[in-house]
Amino acid sequence: MGNRVLENYFSKGFISLDQLRIKSISDELIKQNNFQIQKILSQKTILSDDRIYSVEMQGEFESKKAVLKIQGLKLQIEEFELMRRFEEQNKSKIIRTPKIFAKSDWNNEKKYSYFIMEYVDASPIYADPLATDEEMKDFMKFYKEYKEKCLVKPFVEILPREESALVFTAGRVMHWAKIDESQGHFTSEKAKLLERYLSIIGKHLPDVPMEFCHGHLDAQSIRKVSDDEYVLMSNIFWTWRPALYDATFHLWAGIKSLRDTKITSYQIIEYMNKWEAEYEFQDFNNDTANHNGGKFRRNFNLVMLERCIGTILVDIENQEYSKGEREKYIKHLMNLFTDLFNYYVKSLSE
């Protein structure tokens, strides 16, 4: 039972953390914890700018650099509880989560929870959108350690709907299509891509295993303090996903952040092929990461295909773009992800 955020898109009971609520809650917590705010680090939204569900503020707590995180969406499991569970089973000497200084569970009356954690003064493992060859090697060092020593045992219960990769994925994608339709962006071209996608996964996903993983493992969520210390952020998303989801998520996140319209689909496909080869070269010591029973490339391509259809349906239209250049970037990314979609469909059809 991992946390679900996007599923709350149509929820009428969700109360957004608008700026007045943020100010009121932060004033209360500043007084209660003697937390000194310096600046807002981020505001997380459920696709649209006016649906803020969490806010992070940098400041100082008991003479230490710290981050106050206000959670305005009731989670299935509090993020600080997931961090505790992670550390309880974590065997890695070089990967950890941030230290927690203070916390409070969900308040049913005030409609928020919060925690204060250490400020991790470190850069992401690589800078989006694309990793260099050296950064690729560094990520592989991290990923091998994460797979073998950070995932000793699942610490989130798997739900019945998560036991089948096909049932889980088809349900998610149809939810995305419903969101796209509600926003007025669902076209006949998208409908054709969706039909092709459902046909492909009907053939391949039934025998793909579900894996427990960090469900938001992008480059921003991996902070590199040194060659011997990495800190995992975005810890509300520990969950169950189809095999190799955590191997591909960071790649998808980088590609969808592209704003250089000179980068071609061919270049991105070549980049992805380099990553696939690098993953295959690794000698993983656990069953799920070890090439997925000889079907590594198929499973890798299946997850990337899911990332492509999801991006086409919801992400491209709901990202932030430079003022005046929204349409240009949307057109470029739609063409790029459609080309990627067709590439992976072809690879899975051969």
Protein backbone atom coordinates (compact mmCIF):
# COMPACT_ATOMS: atom_id res chain seq x y z
CA MET A 1 0.00 0.00 0.00
CA GLY A 2 2.23 2.78 -1.27
CA ASN A 3 1.27 6.46 -1.39
CA ARG A 4 -0.92 7.65 -4.24
CA VAL A 5 -0.81 11.29 -5.34
CA LEU A 6 -1.98 11.57 -8.95
CA GLU A 7 -4.96 9.36 -8.10
CA ASN A 8 -6.27 12.37 -6.13
CA TYR A 9 -6.62 14.49 -9.27
CA PHE A 10 -10.41 14.16 -9.27
CA SER A 11 -10.77 14.16 -5.49
CA LYS A 12 -13.26 16.78 -4.29
CA GLY A 13 -12.10 16.35 -0.69
CA PHE A 14 -8.54 17.52 -1.34
CA ILE A 15 -7.83 20.98 0.12
CA SER A 16 -4.98 22.64 -1.74
CA LEU A 17 -2.12 24.31 0.10
CA ASP A 18 -2.87 27.74 -1.34
CA GLN A 19 -0.61 30.62 -0.36
CA LEU A 20 -2.84 31.71 2.54
CA ARG A 21 -2.84 28.19 4.02
CA ILE A 22 0.92 27.90 3.54
CA LYS A 23 1.47 31.18 5.37
CA SER A 24 -0.90 30.23 8.21
CA ILE A 25 0.57 26.74 8.69
CA SER A 26 4.18 27.85 8.42
CA ASP A 27 3.63 30.67 10.95
CA GLU A 28 2.18 28.13 13.37
CA LEU A 29 5.04 25.67 12.88
CA ILE A 30 7.71 28.36 13.11
CA LYS A 31 6.37 29.34 16.51
CA GLN A 32 5.87 25.74 17.64
CA ASN A 33 9.33 24.49 16.58
CA ASN A 34 11.39 27.67 16.58
CA PHE A 35 12.16 27.00 12.94
CA GLN A 36 13.71 29.96 11.11
CA ILE A 37 12.60 30.07 7.45
CA GLN A 38 15.04 31.38 4.85
CA LYS A 39 13.32 30.49 1.58
CA ILE A 40 10.83 28.18 -0.14
CA LEU A 41 12.63 25.33 -1.89
CA SER A 42 9.74 23.73 -3.75
CA GLN A 43 5.99 23.39 -4.10
CA LYS A 44 4.70 20.03 -5.36
CA THR A 45 1.43 20.01 -7.30
CA ILE A 46 -1.03 17.45 -8.66
CA LEU A 47 -0.48 18.46 -12.30
CA SER A 48 -2.01 21.95 -12.10
CA ASP A 49 -0.39 24.97 -10.45
CA ASP A 50 -3.36 25.56 -8.12
CA ARG A 51 -3.35 22.03 -6.64
CA ILE A 52 -0.36 22.23 -4.27
CA TYR A 53 -0.03 19.17 -2.02
CA SER A 54 3.34 19.75 -0.33
CA VAL A 55 5.79 22.57 0.35
CA GLU A 56 9.46 22.47 1.36
CA MET A 57 11.08 25.40 3.14
CA GLN A 58 14.78 25.79 3.89
CA GLY A 59 15.81 27.24 7.21
CA GLU A 60 17.44 26.58 10.54
CA PHE A 61 16.39 24.29 13.38
CA GLU A 62 18.34 24.15 16.64
CA SER A 63 21.39 25.74 14.96
CA LYS A 64 21.34 23.17 12.14
CA LYS A 65 20.51 23.69 8.46
CA ALA A 66 17.11 22.09 7.98
CA VAL A 67 14.08 21.70 5.73
CA LEU A 68 10.47 22.00 6.87
CA LYS A 69 8.14 19.89 4.74
CA ILE A 70 4.40 20.54 5.01
CA GLN A 71 2.19 17.79 3.62
CA GLY A 72 -1.28 18.97 2.62
CA LEU A 73 -2.47 15.68 1.16
CA LYS A 74 -3.28 12.82 3.53
CA LEU A 75 -0.93 9.99 2.64
CA GLN A 76 -1.46 6.29 3.10
CA ILE A 77 1.93 6.23 4.94
CA GLU A 78 3.71 9.32 6.24
CA GLU A 79 6.99 10.04 4.46
CA PHE A 80 8.97 10.11 7.70
CA GLU A 81 7.56 6.67 8.58
CA LEU A 82 8.72 5.31 5.22
CA MET A 83 12.17 6.75 5.91
CA ARG A 84 12.21 5.01 9.29
CA ARG A 85 11.25 1.71 7.68
CA PHE A 86 13.89 2.14 5.01
CA GLU A 87 16.67 2.71 7.54
CA GLU A 88 15.49 -0.22 9.66
CA GLN A 89 16.26 -2.68 6.85
CA ASN A 90 18.95 -0.74 4.94
CA LYS A 91 22.32 -2.55 4.79
CA SER A 92 24.16 0.03 2.70
CA LYS A 93 27.07 1.97 4.19
CA ILE A 94 26.91 4.67 1.50
CA ILE A 95 23.18 5.24 0.83
CA ARG A 96 20.82 6.74 3.39
CA THR A 97 17.80 9.01 3.79
CA PRO A 98 17.88 12.47 5.44
CA LYS A 99 17.93 12.67 9.23
CA ILE A 100 14.61 13.61 10.85
CA PHE A 101 14.67 16.31 13.57
CA ALA A 102 10.94 16.68 14.32
CA LYS A 103 7.66 15.33 12.98
CA SER A 104 3.90 15.22 13.43
CA ASP A 105 1.30 12.87 11.99
CA TRP A 106 -1.69 14.02 9.98
CA ASN A 107 -3.98 16.39 11.88
CA ASN A 108 -7.57 15.61 10.87
CA GLU A 109 -8.79 19.00 12.03
CA LYS A 110 -6.09 21.14 10.42
CA LYS A 111 -5.62 18.90 7.35
CA TYR A 112 -1.84 18.66 7.24
CA SER A 113 1.17 16.79 8.59
CA TYR A 114 4.79 17.93 8.68
CA PHE A 115 8.35 17.00 9.47
CA ILE A 116 11.68 18.77 9.79
CA MET A 117 14.72 17.06 8.27
CA GLU A 118 18.34 17.87 7.66
CA TYR A 119 19.19 20.09 4.71
CA VAL A 120 21.29 17.99 2.34
CA ASP A 121 23.81 20.38 0.82
CA ALA A 122 24.70 18.29 -2.22
CA SER A 123 24.02 18.24 -5.95
CA PRO A 124 21.96 15.61 -7.79
CA ILE A 125 23.87 12.54 -9.00
CA TYR A 126 23.77 14.12 -12.44
CA ALA A 127 22.23 17.23 -13.94
CA ASP A 128 19.12 16.81 -16.09
CA PRO A 129 18.42 16.33 -18.90
CA LEU A 130 21.19 13.91 -19.95
CA ALA A 131 24.05 12.23 -18.09
CA THR A 132 27.62 12.15 -19.32
CA ASP A 133 29.49 8.86 -19.74
CA GLU A 134 31.26 9.45 -16.41
CA GLU A 135 27.97 10.23 -14.66
CA MET A 136 26.47 7.09 -16.17
CA LYS A 137 29.20 4.99 -14.52
CA ASP A 138 28.59 6.77 -11.22
CA PHE A 139 24.87 6.10 -11.43
CA MET A 140 25.56 2.42 -12.04
CA LYS A 141 27.70 2.29 -8.90
CA PHE A 142 24.81 3.82 -6.96
CA TYR A 143 22.13 1.62 -8.57
CA LYS A 144 23.98 -1.62 -7.89
CA GLU A 145 24.38 -0.67 -4.22
CA TYR A 146 20.74 0.43 -4.00
CA LYS A 147 19.43 -2.80 -5.55
CA GLU A 148 21.58 -5.14 -3.49
CA LYS A 149 21.73 -3.44 -0.08
CA CYS A 150 18.89 -0.92 0.20
CA LEU A 151 16.09 -3.28 -0.81
CA VAL A 152 16.73 -6.10 1.64
CA LYS A 153 13.00 -6.60 2.14
CA PRO A 154 9.83 -4.73 1.13
CA PHE A 155 8.54 -2.35 3.79
CA VAL A 156 5.27 -1.49 2.05
CA GLU A 157 2.49 -4.06 1.68
CA ILE A 158 1.51 -4.99 -1.87
CA LEU A 159 -2.16 -4.44 -2.71
CA PRO A 160 -4.21 -6.92 -4.77
CA ARG A 161 -4.33 -4.47 -7.70
CA GLU A 162 -0.53 -4.29 -7.62
CA GLU A 163 0.07 -8.03 -7.86
CA SER A 164 -0.45 -8.06 -11.65
CA ALA A 165 1.74 -5.78 -13.79
CA LEU A 166 -0.94 -5.81 -16.49
CA VAL A 167 -3.86 -4.92 -14.19
CA PHE A 168 -1.85 -2.26 -12.37
CA THR A 169 -0.44 -0.60 -15.51
CA ALA A 170 -3.66 -0.68 -17.55
CA GLY A 171 -5.51 0.95 -14.66
CA ARG A 172 -2.94 3.72 -14.33
CA VAL A 173 -2.88 4.49 -18.02
CA MET A 174 -6.67 4.65 -18.31
CA HIS A 175 -6.69 7.07 -15.35
CA TRP A 176 -4.18 9.27 -17.21
CA ALA A 177 -6.36 9.17 -20.33
CA LYS A 178 -9.34 10.28 -18.22
CA ILE A 179 -7.30 13.23 -16.89
CA ASP A 180 -6.19 14.17 -20.41
CA GLU A 181 -9.78 14.05 -21.64
CA SER A 182 -10.99 16.20 -18.73
CA GLN A 183 -8.40 18.83 -19.67
CA GLY A 184 -9.53 18.85 -23.31
CA HIS A 185 -6.26 17.49 -24.70
CA PHE A 186 -7.26 13.94 -25.66
CA THR A 187 -7.12 13.68 -29.47
CA SER A 188 -7.85 10.94 -32.00
CA GLU A 189 -4.08 10.54 -32.48
CA LYS A 190 -3.63 9.91 -28.75
CA ALA A 191 -6.54 7.46 -28.81
CA LYS A 192 -4.75 5.45 -31.52
CA LEU A 193 -1.51 5.40 -29.51
CA LEU A 194 -3.43 4.29 -26.42
CA GLU A 195 -5.08 1.46 -28.37
CA ARG A 196 -1.69 0.27 -29.64
CA TYR A 197 -0.25 0.49 -26.15
CA LEU A 198 -3.00 -1.62 -24.57
CA SER A 199 -2.56 -4.24 -27.30
CA ILE A 200 1.20 -4.47 -26.67
CA ILE A 201 0.97 -4.77 -22.88
CA GLY A 202 -1.76 -7.37 -23.18
CA LYS A 203 0.79 -9.61 -24.87
CA HIS A 204 3.85 -8.89 -22.73
CA LEU A 205 2.93 -7.67 -19.23
CA PRO A 206 1.22 -10.82 -17.86
CA ASP A 207 4.58 -12.46 -17.06
CA VAL A 208 6.44 -9.32 -15.94
CA PRO A 209 7.09 -9.37 -12.17
CA MET A 210 6.20 -6.52 -9.85
CA GLU A 211 9.12 -5.19 -7.80
CA PHE A 212 9.36 -3.14 -4.63
CA CYS A 213 11.31 0.04 -5.30
CA HIS A 214 11.75 3.78 -4.88
CA GLY A 215 8.98 4.91 -7.20
CA HIS A 216 10.47 8.33 -7.99
CA LEU A 217 14.15 7.54 -8.58
CA ASP A 218 15.14 10.51 -10.74
CA ALA A 219 18.51 12.26 -10.63
CA GLN A 220 17.11 15.01 -8.37
CA SER A 221 16.11 12.39 -5.78
CA ILE A 222 19.69 11.08 -5.48
CA ARG A 223 21.96 13.62 -3.80
CA LYS A 224 25.68 12.88 -4.04
CA VAL A 225 27.49 14.16 -0.95
CA SER A 226 30.72 12.36 -1.89
CA ASP A 227 31.90 9.21 -3.67
CA ASP A 228 31.00 7.35 -0.47
CA GLU A 229 27.72 9.03 0.47
CA TYR A 230 24.43 9.32 -1.39
CA VAL A 231 21.18 10.59 0.15
CA LEU A 232 17.78 9.46 -1.12
CA MET A 233 15.11 12.15 -1.32
CA SER A 234 11.40 12.03 -2.39
CA ASN A 235 10.67 9.22 0.03
CA ILE A 236 6.87 9.31 -0.15
CA PHE A 237 7.01 7.13 -3.28
CA TRP A 238 8.32 3.78 -2.00
CA THR A 239 5.98 1.36 -3.73
CA TRP A 240 5.44 -1.63 -6.05
CA ARG A 241 6.06 -1.19 -9.79
CA PRO A 242 6.69 -3.41 -12.85
CA ALA A 243 10.26 -4.73 -13.11
CA LEU A 244 12.93 -2.13 -13.96
CA TYR A 245 10.70 0.88 -13.26
CA ASP A 246 13.44 2.27 -11.02
CA ALA A 247 16.05 1.66 -13.72
CA THR A 248 14.19 3.83 -16.23
CA PHE A 249 12.46 6.54 -14.21
CA HIS A 250 15.50 8.83 -14.08
CA LEU A 251 15.97 8.52 -17.85
CA TRP A 252 12.37 9.46 -18.57
CA ALA A 253 12.54 12.39 -16.12
CA GLY A 254 15.62 13.73 -17.88
CA ILE A 255 14.17 13.43 -21.37
CA LYS A 256 10.89 15.18 -20.49
CA SER A 257 12.90 18.09 -19.07
CA LEU A 258 14.60 18.70 -22.44
CA ARG A 259 14.24 22.23 -23.73
CA ASP A 260 16.84 22.06 -26.53
CA THR A 261 14.77 21.61 -29.67
CA LYS A 262 17.88 20.73 -31.70
CA ILE A 263 18.17 17.37 -29.93
CA THR A 264 16.64 14.72 -32.18
CA SER A 265 14.75 11.51 -31.51
CA TYR A 266 17.64 9.59 -33.05
CA GLN A 267 20.07 11.08 -30.51
CA ILE A 268 17.76 10.17 -27.62
CA ILE A 269 17.35 6.60 -28.89
CA GLU A 270 21.14 6.26 -29.10
CA TYR A 271 21.40 7.63 -25.55
CA MET A 272 18.85 5.11 -24.30
CA ASN A 273 20.65 2.26 -26.04
CA LYS A 274 23.86 3.23 -24.20
CA TRP A 275 22.03 2.99 -20.89
CA GLU A 276 20.53 -0.39 -21.78
CA ALA A 277 23.97 -1.74 -22.66
CA GLU A 278 25.41 -0.34 -19.41
CA TYR A 279 22.69 -2.00 -17.32
CA GLU A 280 23.24 -5.32 -19.10
CA PHE A 281 26.97 -5.11 -18.44
CA GLN A 282 26.42 -4.96 -14.67
CA ASP A 283 26.71 -8.06 -12.51
CA PHE A 284 23.74 -7.66 -10.17
CA ASN A 285 23.53 -10.06 -7.27
CA ASN A 286 19.78 -10.16 -6.75
CA ASP A 287 17.18 -12.05 -8.74
CA THR A 288 14.91 -9.21 -9.77
CA ALA A 289 17.69 -6.95 -11.03
CA ASN A 290 19.58 -9.80 -12.70
CA HIS A 291 18.27 -9.18 -16.20
CA ASN A 292 14.73 -10.19 -15.21
CA GLY A 293 15.07 -13.83 -16.08
CA GLY A 294 16.76 -13.22 -19.43
CA LYS A 295 14.12 -10.69 -20.52
CA PHE A 296 15.93 -7.52 -19.53
CA ARG A 297 15.58 -5.61 -22.79
CA ARG A 298 11.93 -6.53 -23.20
CA ASN A 299 11.10 -5.44 -19.65
CA PHE A 300 13.19 -2.28 -19.98
CA ASN A 301 11.38 -1.39 -23.21
CA LEU A 302 7.98 -2.11 -21.66
CA VAL A 303 8.58 0.32 -18.80
CA MET A 304 9.90 2.97 -21.18
CA LEU A 305 6.82 2.49 -23.35
CA GLU A 306 4.65 3.12 -20.28
CA ARG A 307 6.67 6.26 -19.54
CA CYS A 308 6.15 7.44 -23.14
CA ILE A 309 2.35 7.00 -23.17
CA GLY A 310 2.09 8.63 -19.74
CA THR A 311 4.12 11.61 -20.90
CA ILE A 312 2.02 12.01 -24.03
CA LEU A 313 -1.23 11.81 -22.03
CA VAL A 314 -0.47 13.99 -18.99
CA ASP A 315 3.09 15.23 -18.51
CA ILE A 316 3.81 17.31 -21.60
CA GLU A 317 0.72 19.51 -21.24
CA ASN A 318 1.24 19.97 -17.49
CA GLN A 319 4.93 20.90 -17.27
CA GLU A 320 6.34 24.37 -16.69
CA TYR A 321 7.80 26.13 -19.72
CA SER A 322 9.49 29.46 -20.35
CA LYS A 323 7.02 32.28 -20.96
CA GLY A 324 6.10 32.54 -24.62
CA GLU A 325 7.71 29.22 -25.58
CA ARG A 326 5.14 26.75 -24.27
CA GLU A 327 3.74 25.72 -27.66
CA LYS A 328 7.20 25.28 -29.20
CA TYR A 329 8.36 22.94 -26.43
CA ILE A 330 5.09 21.01 -26.32
CA LYS A 331 5.30 20.36 -30.06
CA HIS A 332 8.94 19.25 -29.85
CA LEU A 333 8.39 16.96 -26.87
CA MET A 334 5.21 15.48 -28.31
CA ASN A 335 7.06 14.58 -31.51
CA LEU A 336 10.05 13.23 -29.57
CA PHE A 337 8.00 11.03 -27.23
CA THR A 338 5.81 9.82 -30.10
CA ASP A 339 8.95 8.74 -31.97
CA LEU A 340 10.21 7.00 -28.82
CA PHE A 341 6.82 5.33 -28.37
CA ASN A 342 6.93 3.99 -31.94
CA TYR A 343 10.52 2.83 -31.46
CA TYR A 344 9.65 0.78 -28.38
CA VAL A 345 6.47 -0.59 -29.97
CA LYS A 346 8.56 -1.80 -32.91
CA SER A 347 11.18 -3.38 -30.62
CA LEU A 348 8.46 -5.21 -28.70
CA SER A 349 6.75 -6.40 -31.87
CA GLU A 350 9.83 -8.03 -33.41
